[in-house]
């Protein structure tokens, strides 16, 4: 079996919902680190978090799923993903 190497993707994730818990930002940072993704949070409020995530698309998919499912003290309504940089073309 051969491994296929992809160049990393960069996406902006906008997370919407009831996100007021102080635990969510550190949770996002830990989850991204566990997946080996680079992340930079650019906006936080009680109902919206914006971050840029860089890494393989499959791992960004896993990050999205993780944010939808946890932690228990937040309620994620939706996650919008937008390619940035050279991926936006």
PDB file of N, CA and C in Angstrom:
ATOM      1  N   UNK A   1       0.838  -1.165   0.000  1.00  0.00           N
ATOM      2  CA  UNK A   1       0.000   0.000   0.000  1.00  0.00           C
ATOM      3  C   UNK A   1       0.894   1.242   0.000  1.00  0.00           C
ATOM      4  N   UNK A   2       0.595   2.206  -0.844  1.00  0.00           N
ATOM      5  CA  UNK A   2       1.398   3.420  -0.913  1.00  0.00           C
ATOM      6  C   UNK A   2       0.673   4.546  -0.203  1.00  0.00           C
ATOM      7  N   UNK A   3       1.464   5.417   0.402  1.00  0.00           N
ATOM      8  CA  UNK A   3       0.907   6.581   1.071  1.00  0.00           C
ATOM      9  C   UNK A   3       0.864   7.738   0.104  1.00  0.00           C
ATOM     10  N   UNK A   4      -0.225   8.457   0.123  1.00  0.00           N
ATOM     11  CA  UNK A   4      -0.369   9.625  -0.717  1.00  0.00           C
ATOM     12  C   UNK A   4      -0.124  10.858   0.146  1.00  0.00           C
ATOM     13  N   UNK A   5       0.811  11.700  -0.255  1.00  0.00           N
ATOM     14  CA  UNK A   5       1.124  12.904   0.516  1.00  0.00           C
ATOM     15  C   UNK A   5       0.437  14.095  -0.136  1.00  0.00           C
ATOM     16  N   UNK A   6      -0.365  14.788   0.642  1.00  0.00           N
ATOM     17  CA  UNK A   6      -1.053  15.967   0.163  1.00  0.00           C
ATOM     18  C   UNK A   6      -0.436  17.194   0.803  1.00  0.00           C
ATOM     19  N   UNK A   7      -0.490  18.303   0.060  1.00  0.00           N
ATOM     20  CA  UNK A   7      -0.065  19.545   0.685  1.00  0.00           C
ATOM     21  C   UNK A   7      -1.155  19.953   1.675  1.00  0.00           C
ATOM     22  N   UNK A   8      -0.764  20.595   2.767  1.00  0.00           N
ATOM     23  CA  UNK A   8      -1.754  20.947   3.784  1.00  0.00           C
ATOM     24  C   UNK A   8      -2.789  21.932   3.248  1.00  0.00           C
ATOM     25  N   UNK A   9      -4.003  21.788   3.718  1.00  0.00           N
ATOM     26  CA  UNK A   9      -5.079  22.725   3.411  1.00  0.00           C
ATOM     27  C   UNK A   9      -5.150  23.751   4.530  1.00  0.00           C
ATOM     28  N   UNK A  10      -5.653  24.927   4.200  1.00  0.00           N
ATOM     29  CA  UNK A  10      -5.898  25.943   5.218  1.00  0.00           C
ATOM     30  C   UNK A  10      -7.348  26.375   5.082  1.00  0.00           C
ATOM     31  N   UNK A  11      -8.079  26.299   6.187  1.00  0.00           N
ATOM     32  CA  UNK A  11      -9.493  26.644   6.180  1.00  0.00           C
ATOM     33  C   UNK A  11      -9.834  27.523   7.369  1.00  0.00           C
ATOM     34  N   UNK A  12     -10.822  28.382   7.156  1.00  0.00           N
ATOM     35  CA  UNK A  12     -11.385  29.166   8.259  1.00  0.00           C
ATOM     36  C   UNK A  12     -12.630  28.415   8.728  1.00  0.00           C
ATOM     37  N   UNK A  13     -12.670  28.116  10.013  1.00  0.00           N
ATOM     38  CA  UNK A  13     -13.835  27.468  10.605  1.00  0.00           C
ATOM     39  C   UNK A  13     -14.565  28.499  11.457  1.00  0.00           C
ATOM     40  N   UNK A  14     -15.857  28.666  11.185  1.00  0.00           N
ATOM     41  CA  UNK A  14     -16.703  29.532  11.993  1.00  0.00           C
ATOM     42  C   UNK A  14     -17.678  28.630  12.733  1.00  0.00           C
ATOM     43  N   UNK A  15     -17.551  28.598  14.043  1.00  0.00           N
ATOM     44  CA  UNK A  15     -18.374  27.740  14.892  1.00  0.00           C
ATOM     45  C   UNK A  15     -19.458  28.614  15.507  1.00  0.00           C
ATOM     46  N   UNK A  16     -20.719  28.220  15.311  1.00  0.00           N
ATOM     47  CA  UNK A  16     -21.857  28.985  15.814  1.00  0.00           C
ATOM     48  C   UNK A  16     -22.657  28.145  16.800  1.00  0.00           C
ATOM     49  N   UNK A  17     -23.162  28.790  17.854  1.00  0.00           N
ATOM     50  CA  UNK A  17     -23.981  28.085  18.836  1.00  0.00           C
ATOM     51  C   UNK A  17     -23.895  28.757  20.192  1.00  0.00           C
ATOM     52  N   UNK A  18     -24.174  27.996  21.243  1.00  0.00           N
ATOM     53  CA  UNK A  18     -24.052  28.471  22.625  1.00  0.00           C
ATOM     54  C   UNK A  18     -22.664  28.063  23.111  1.00  0.00           C
ATOM     55  N   UNK A  19     -21.700  28.970  22.948  1.00  0.00           N
ATOM     56  CA  UNK A  19     -20.278  28.654  23.119  1.00  0.00           C
ATOM     57  C   UNK A  19     -19.662  29.389  24.300  1.00  0.00           C
ATOM     58  N   UNK A  20     -20.465  29.773  25.274  1.00  0.00           N
ATOM     59  CA  UNK A  20     -20.013  30.640  26.360  1.00  0.00           C
ATOM     60  C   UNK A  20     -19.098  29.958  27.373  1.00  0.00           C
ATOM     61  N   UNK A  21     -18.963  28.669  27.313  1.00  0.00           N
ATOM     62  CA  UNK A  21     -18.152  27.953  28.304  1.00  0.00           C
ATOM     63  C   UNK A  21     -16.672  28.292  28.156  1.00  0.00           C
ATOM     64  N   UNK A  22     -16.038  28.574  29.286  1.00  0.00           N
ATOM     65  CA  UNK A  22     -14.610  28.908  29.283  1.00  0.00           C
ATOM     66  C   UNK A  22     -13.748  27.721  28.867  1.00  0.00           C
ATOM     67  N   UNK A  23     -14.292  26.531  28.950  1.00  0.00           N
ATOM     68  CA  UNK A  23     -13.516  25.327  28.626  1.00  0.00           C
ATOM     69  C   UNK A  23     -13.362  25.087  27.128  1.00  0.00           C
ATOM     70  N   UNK A  24     -14.162  25.733  26.277  1.00  0.00           N
ATOM     71  CA  UNK A  24     -14.183  25.371  24.860  1.00  0.00           C
ATOM     72  C   UNK A  24     -12.917  25.787  24.111  1.00  0.00           C
ATOM     73  N   UNK A  25     -12.405  26.983  24.352  1.00  0.00           N
ATOM     74  CA  UNK A  25     -11.195  27.431  23.638  1.00  0.00           C
ATOM     75  C   UNK A  25     -10.009  26.520  23.958  1.00  0.00           C
ATOM     76  N   UNK A  26      -9.711  26.244  25.234  1.00  0.00           N
ATOM     77  CA  UNK A  26      -8.618  25.302  25.508  1.00  0.00           C
ATOM     78  C   UNK A  26      -8.892  23.912  24.924  1.00  0.00           C
ATOM     79  N   UNK A  27     -10.149  23.496  24.907  1.00  0.00           N
ATOM     80  CA  UNK A  27     -10.512  22.201  24.326  1.00  0.00           C
ATOM     81  C   UNK A  27     -10.180  22.177  22.835  1.00  0.00           C
ATOM     82  N   UNK A  28     -10.531  23.257  22.114  1.00  0.00           N
ATOM     83  CA  UNK A  28     -10.224  23.361  20.680  1.00  0.00           C
ATOM     84  C   UNK A  28      -8.716  23.274  20.467  1.00  0.00           C
ATOM     85  N   UNK A  29      -7.952  24.009  21.268  1.00  0.00           N
ATOM     86  CA  UNK A  29      -6.491  24.006  21.120  1.00  0.00           C
ATOM     87  C   UNK A  29      -5.905  22.616  21.360  1.00  0.00           C
ATOM     88  N   UNK A  30      -6.385  21.926  22.392  1.00  0.00           N
ATOM     89  CA  UNK A  30      -5.894  20.564  22.675  1.00  0.00           C
ATOM     90  C   UNK A  30      -6.279  19.583  21.574  1.00  0.00           C
ATOM     91  N   UNK A  31      -7.513  19.676  21.101  1.00  0.00           N
ATOM     92  CA  UNK A  31      -7.985  18.753  20.062  1.00  0.00           C
ATOM     93  C   UNK A  31      -7.183  18.949  18.771  1.00  0.00           C
ATOM     94  N   UNK A  32      -6.935  20.207  18.394  1.00  0.00           N
ATOM     95  CA  UNK A  32      -6.130  20.484  17.195  1.00  0.00           C
ATOM     96  C   UNK A  32      -4.722  19.920  17.360  1.00  0.00           C
ATOM     97  N   UNK A  33      -4.136  20.099  18.536  1.00  0.00           N
ATOM     98  CA  UNK A  33      -2.783  19.586  18.784  1.00  0.00           C
ATOM     99  C   UNK A  33      -2.750  18.064  18.697  1.00  0.00           C
ATOM    100  N   UNK A  34      -3.762  17.388  19.249  1.00  0.00           N
ATOM    101  CA  UNK A  34      -3.823  15.924  19.174  1.00  0.00           C
ATOM    102  C   UNK A  34      -3.887  15.438  17.735  1.00  0.00           C
ATOM    103  N   UNK A  35      -4.547  16.217  16.868  1.00  0.00           N
ATOM    104  CA  UNK A  35      -4.672  15.847  15.456  1.00  0.00           C
ATOM    105  C   UNK A  35      -3.467  16.300  14.627  1.00  0.00           C
ATOM    106  N   UNK A  36      -2.565  17.069  15.237  1.00  0.00           N
ATOM    107  CA  UNK A  36      -1.400  17.561  14.507  1.00  0.00           C
ATOM    108  C   UNK A  36      -1.715  18.725  13.587  1.00  0.00           C
ATOM    109  N   UNK A  37      -2.770  19.469  13.902  1.00  0.00           N
ATOM    110  CA  UNK A  37      -3.177  20.615  13.092  1.00  0.00           C
ATOM    111  C   UNK A  37      -2.625  21.908  13.683  1.00  0.00           C
ATOM    112  N   UNK A  38      -2.285  22.845  12.820  1.00  0.00           N
ATOM    113  CA  UNK A  38      -1.966  24.203  13.261  1.00  0.00           C
ATOM    114  C   UNK A  38      -3.284  24.955  13.343  1.00  0.00           C
ATOM    115  N   UNK A  39      -3.430  25.793  14.357  1.00  0.00           N
ATOM    116  CA  UNK A  39      -4.662  26.571  14.483  1.00  0.00           C
ATOM    117  C   UNK A  39      -4.354  27.935  15.056  1.00  0.00           C
ATOM    118  N   UNK A  40      -5.167  28.903  14.670  1.00  0.00           N
ATOM    119  CA  UNK A  40      -5.072  30.257  15.210  1.00  0.00           C
ATOM    120  C   UNK A  40      -6.490  30.779  15.379  1.00  0.00           C
ATOM    121  N   UNK A  41      -6.857  31.090  16.603  1.00  0.00           N
ATOM    122  CA  UNK A  41      -8.199  31.596  16.891  1.00  0.00           C
ATOM    123  C   UNK A  41      -8.191  33.102  16.693  1.00  0.00           C
ATOM    124  N   UNK A  42      -9.131  33.594  15.853  1.00  0.00           N
ATOM    125  CA  UNK A  42      -9.155  35.020  15.537  1.00  0.00           C
ATOM    126  C   UNK A  42     -10.326  35.758  16.174  1.00  0.00           C
ATOM    127  N   UNK A  43     -11.360  35.040  16.610  1.00  0.00           N
ATOM    128  CA  UNK A  43     -12.518  35.697  17.231  1.00  0.00           C
ATOM    129  C   UNK A  43     -13.180  34.731  18.201  1.00  0.00           C
ATOM    130  N   UNK A  44     -13.563  35.256  19.357  1.00  0.00           N
ATOM    131  CA  UNK A  44     -14.348  34.465  20.308  1.00  0.00           C
ATOM    132  C   UNK A  44     -15.461  35.334  20.882  1.00  0.00           C
ATOM    133  N   UNK A  45     -16.648  34.780  20.955  1.00  0.00           N
ATOM    134  CA  UNK A  45     -17.769  35.413  21.642  1.00  0.00           C
ATOM    135  C   UNK A  45     -18.671  34.299  22.148  1.00  0.00           C
ATOM    136  N   UNK A  46     -19.746  34.669  22.824  1.00  0.00           N
ATOM    137  CA  UNK A  46     -20.639  33.667  23.408  1.00  0.00           C
ATOM    138  C   UNK A  46     -21.354  32.829  22.356  1.00  0.00           C
ATOM    139  N   UNK A  47     -21.442  33.353  21.116  1.00  0.00           N
ATOM    140  CA  UNK A  47     -22.174  32.620  20.080  1.00  0.00           C
ATOM    141  C   UNK A  47     -21.379  32.339  18.810  1.00  0.00           C
ATOM    142  N   UNK A  48     -20.104  32.775  18.766  1.00  0.00           N
ATOM    143  CA  UNK A  48     -19.307  32.550  17.547  1.00  0.00           C
ATOM    144  C   UNK A  48     -17.828  32.455  17.888  1.00  0.00           C
ATOM    145  N   UNK A  49     -17.169  31.472  17.295  1.00  0.00           N
ATOM    146  CA  UNK A  49     -15.715  31.338  17.380  1.00  0.00           C
ATOM    147  C   UNK A  49     -15.207  31.176  15.956  1.00  0.00           C
ATOM    148  N   UNK A  50     -14.175  31.939  15.608  1.00  0.00           N
ATOM    149  CA  UNK A  50     -13.547  31.808  14.295  1.00  0.00           C
ATOM    150  C   UNK A  50     -12.101  31.402  14.488  1.00  0.00           C
ATOM    151  N   UNK A  51     -11.665  30.418  13.700  1.00  0.00           N
ATOM    152  CA  UNK A  51     -10.276  30.009  13.744  1.00  0.00           C
ATOM    153  C   UNK A  51      -9.837  29.564  12.368  1.00  0.00           C
ATOM    154  N   UNK A  52      -8.536  29.663  12.131  1.00  0.00           N
ATOM    155  CA  UNK A  52      -7.940  29.126  10.917  1.00  0.00           C
ATOM    156  C   UNK A  52      -7.193  27.865  11.294  1.00  0.00           C
ATOM    157  N   UNK A  53      -7.422  26.830  10.503  1.00  0.00           N
ATOM    158  CA  UNK A  53      -6.845  25.519  10.760  1.00  0.00           C
ATOM    159  C   UNK A  53      -6.059  25.103   9.526  1.00  0.00           C
ATOM    160  N   UNK A  54      -4.845  24.572   9.744  1.00  0.00           N
ATOM    161  CA  UNK A  54      -4.001  24.117   8.644  1.00  0.00           C
ATOM    162  C   UNK A  54      -3.593  22.674   8.887  1.00  0.00           C
ATOM    163  N   UNK A  55      -3.746  21.860   7.839  1.00  0.00           N
ATOM    164  CA  UNK A  55      -3.361  20.457   7.915  1.00  0.00           C
ATOM    165  C   UNK A  55      -4.059  19.665   6.827  1.00  0.00           C
ATOM    166  N   UNK A  56      -3.895  18.355   6.829  1.00  0.00           N
ATOM    167  CA  UNK A  56      -4.575  17.517   5.837  1.00  0.00           C
ATOM    168  C   UNK A  56      -6.102  17.648   5.967  1.00  0.00           C
ATOM    169  N   UNK A  57      -6.779  17.666   4.832  1.00  0.00           N
ATOM    170  CA  UNK A  57      -8.232  17.843   4.816  1.00  0.00           C
ATOM    171  C   UNK A  57      -8.947  16.823   5.695  1.00  0.00           C
ATOM    172  N   UNK A  58      -8.479  15.582   5.681  1.00  0.00           N
ATOM    173  CA  UNK A  58      -9.131  14.539   6.483  1.00  0.00           C
ATOM    174  C   UNK A  58      -9.054  14.850   7.974  1.00  0.00           C
ATOM    175  N   UNK A  59      -7.945  15.433   8.409  1.00  0.00           N
ATOM    176  CA  UNK A  59      -7.806  15.782   9.826  1.00  0.00           C
ATOM    177  C   UNK A  59      -8.625  17.022  10.174  1.00  0.00           C
ATOM    178  N   UNK A  60      -8.765  17.942   9.222  1.00  0.00           N
ATOM    179  CA  UNK A  60      -9.657  19.090   9.445  1.00  0.00           C
ATOM    180  C   UNK A  60     -11.094  18.595   9.563  1.00  0.00           C
ATOM    181  N   UNK A  61     -11.464  17.589   8.751  1.00  0.00           N
ATOM    182  CA  UNK A  61     -12.790  16.966   8.881  1.00  0.00           C
ATOM    183  C   UNK A  61     -12.978  16.401  10.288  1.00  0.00           C
ATOM    184  N   UNK A  62     -11.941  15.741  10.802  1.00  0.00           N
ATOM    185  CA  UNK A  62     -12.009  15.169  12.155  1.00  0.00           C
ATOM    186  C   UNK A  62     -12.135  16.271  13.209  1.00  0.00           C
ATOM    187  N   UNK A  63     -11.457  17.395  12.992  1.00  0.00           N
ATOM    188  CA  UNK A  63     -11.552  18.532  13.907  1.00  0.00           C
ATOM    189  C   UNK A  63     -12.987  19.059  13.936  1.00  0.00           C
ATOM    190  N   UNK A  64     -13.594  19.178  12.761  1.00  0.00           N
ATOM    191  CA  UNK A  64     -14.981  19.640  12.685  1.00  0.00           C
ATOM    192  C   UNK A  64     -15.908  18.699  13.461  1.00  0.00           C
ATOM    193  N   UNK A  65     -15.759  17.410  13.246  1.00  0.00           N
ATOM    194  CA  UNK A  65     -16.603  16.430  13.938  1.00  0.00           C
ATOM    195  C   UNK A  65     -16.388  16.496  15.451  1.00  0.00           C
ATOM    196  N   UNK A  66     -15.124  16.619  15.864  1.00  0.00           N
ATOM    197  CA  UNK A  66     -14.830  16.723  17.292  1.00  0.00           C
ATOM    198  C   UNK A  66     -15.483  17.940  17.922  1.00  0.00           C
ATOM    199  N   UNK A  67     -15.421  19.084  17.223  1.00  0.00           N
ATOM    200  CA  UNK A  67     -16.032  20.307  17.755  1.00  0.00           C
ATOM    201  C   UNK A  67     -17.549  20.168  17.850  1.00  0.00           C
ATOM    202  N   UNK A  68     -18.156  19.448  16.906  1.00  0.00           N
ATOM    203  CA  UNK A  68     -19.606  19.228  16.944  1.00  0.00           C
ATOM    204  C   UNK A  68     -20.024  18.383  18.146  1.00  0.00           C
ATOM    205  N   UNK A  69     -19.173  17.452  18.551  1.00  0.00           N
ATOM    206  CA  UNK A  69     -19.534  16.484  19.591  1.00  0.00           C
ATOM    207  C   UNK A  69     -19.144  16.873  21.017  1.00  0.00           C
ATOM    208  N   UNK A  70     -18.185  17.749  21.196  1.00  0.00           N
ATOM    209  CA  UNK A  70     -17.735  17.988  22.559  1.00  0.00           C
ATOM    210  C   UNK A  70     -17.275  19.407  22.746  1.00  0.00           C
ATOM    211  N   UNK A  71     -17.024  19.832  23.906  1.00  0.00           N
ATOM    212  CA  UNK A  71     -17.324  19.255  25.211  1.00  0.00           C
ATOM    213  C   UNK A  71     -18.807  19.401  25.572  1.00  0.00           C
ATOM    214  N   UNK A  72     -19.199  18.811  26.667  1.00  0.00           N
ATOM    215  CA  UNK A  72     -20.612  18.723  27.052  1.00  0.00           C
ATOM    216  C   UNK A  72     -21.219  20.084  27.404  1.00  0.00           C
ATOM    217  N   UNK A  73     -20.405  21.058  27.842  1.00  0.00           N
ATOM    218  CA  UNK A  73     -20.950  22.336  28.313  1.00  0.00           C
ATOM    219  C   UNK A  73     -21.115  23.388  27.222  1.00  0.00           C
ATOM    220  N   UNK A  74     -20.998  23.009  25.945  1.00  0.00           N
ATOM    221  CA  UNK A  74     -21.285  23.918  24.831  1.00  0.00           C
ATOM    222  C   UNK A  74     -22.292  23.246  23.901  1.00  0.00           C
ATOM    223  N   UNK A  75     -22.978  24.059  23.117  1.00  0.00           N
ATOM    224  CA  UNK A  75     -23.914  23.539  22.126  1.00  0.00           C
ATOM    225  C   UNK A  75     -23.544  24.145  20.774  1.00  0.00           C
ATOM    226  N   UNK A  76     -22.992  23.320  19.892  1.00  0.00           N
ATOM    227  CA  UNK A  76     -22.602  23.768  18.556  1.00  0.00           C
ATOM    228  C   UNK A  76     -23.791  23.578  17.624  1.00  0.00           C
ATOM    229  N   UNK A  77     -24.277  24.686  17.060  1.00  0.00           N
ATOM    230  CA  UNK A  77     -25.385  24.636  16.098  1.00  0.00           C
ATOM    231  C   UNK A  77     -24.885  24.259  14.712  1.00  0.00           C
ATOM    232  N   UNK A  78     -23.823  24.935  14.276  1.00  0.00           N
ATOM    233  CA  UNK A  78     -23.293  24.694  12.933  1.00  0.00           C
ATOM    234  C   UNK A  78     -21.833  25.103  12.870  1.00  0.00           C
ATOM    235  N   UNK A  79     -21.137  24.539  11.898  1.00  0.00           N
ATOM    236  CA  UNK A  79     -19.753  24.922  11.625  1.00  0.00           C
ATOM    237  C   UNK A  79     -19.650  25.219  10.140  1.00  0.00           C
ATOM    238  N   UNK A  80     -19.204  26.427   9.829  1.00  0.00           N
ATOM    239  CA  UNK A  80     -18.989  26.834   8.442  1.00  0.00           C
ATOM    240  C   UNK A  80     -17.505  26.730   8.142  1.00  0.00           C
ATOM    241  N   UNK A  81     -17.167  26.177   6.983  1.00  0.00           N
ATOM    242  CA  UNK A  81     -15.757  26.036   6.589  1.00  0.00           C
ATOM    243  C   UNK A  81     -15.537  26.745   5.265  1.00  0.00           C
ATOM    244  N   UNK A  82     -14.478  27.568   5.237  1.00  0.00           N
ATOM    245  CA  UNK A  82     -14.136  28.324   4.044  1.00  0.00           C
ATOM    246  C   UNK A  82     -12.654  28.166   3.765  1.00  0.00           C
ATOM    247  N   UNK A  83     -12.278  27.733   2.552  1.00  0.00           N
ATOM    248  CA  UNK A  83     -10.851  27.663   2.216  1.00  0.00           C
ATOM    249  C   UNK A  83     -10.232  29.061   2.225  1.00  0.00           C
ATOM    250  N   UNK A  84      -8.985  29.167   2.668  1.00  0.00           N
ATOM    251  CA  UNK A  84      -8.259  30.438   2.641  1.00  0.00           C
ATOM    252  C   UNK A  84      -6.931  30.237   1.925  1.00  0.00           C
ATOM    253  N   UNK A  85      -6.314  31.335   1.546  1.00  0.00           N
ATOM    254  CA  UNK A  85      -5.019  31.253   0.868  1.00  0.00           C
ATOM    255  C   UNK A  85      -5.161  30.647  -0.511  1.00  0.00           C
ATOM    256  N   UNK A  86      -4.193  29.847  -0.906  1.00  0.00           N
ATOM    257  CA  UNK A  86      -4.180  29.250  -2.246  1.00  0.00           C
ATOM    258  C   UNK A  86      -5.296  28.229  -2.426  1.00  0.00           C
ATOM    259  N   UNK A  87      -5.882  27.712  -1.313  1.00  0.00           N
ATOM    260  CA  UNK A  87      -6.986  26.756  -1.403  1.00  0.00           C
ATOM    261  C   UNK A  87      -8.287  27.420  -1.828  1.00  0.00           C
ATOM    262  N   UNK A  88      -8.363  28.756  -1.727  1.00  0.00           N
ATOM    263  CA  UNK A  88      -9.601  29.466  -2.029  1.00  0.00           C
ATOM    264  C   UNK A  88      -9.879  29.550  -3.519  1.00  0.00           C
ATOM    265  N   UNK A  89      -8.910  29.252  -4.349  1.00  0.00           N
ATOM    266  CA  UNK A  89      -9.096  29.370  -5.803  1.00  0.00           C
ATOM    267  C   UNK A  89      -9.961  28.286  -6.376  1.00  0.00           C
TER     268      UNK A  89
END
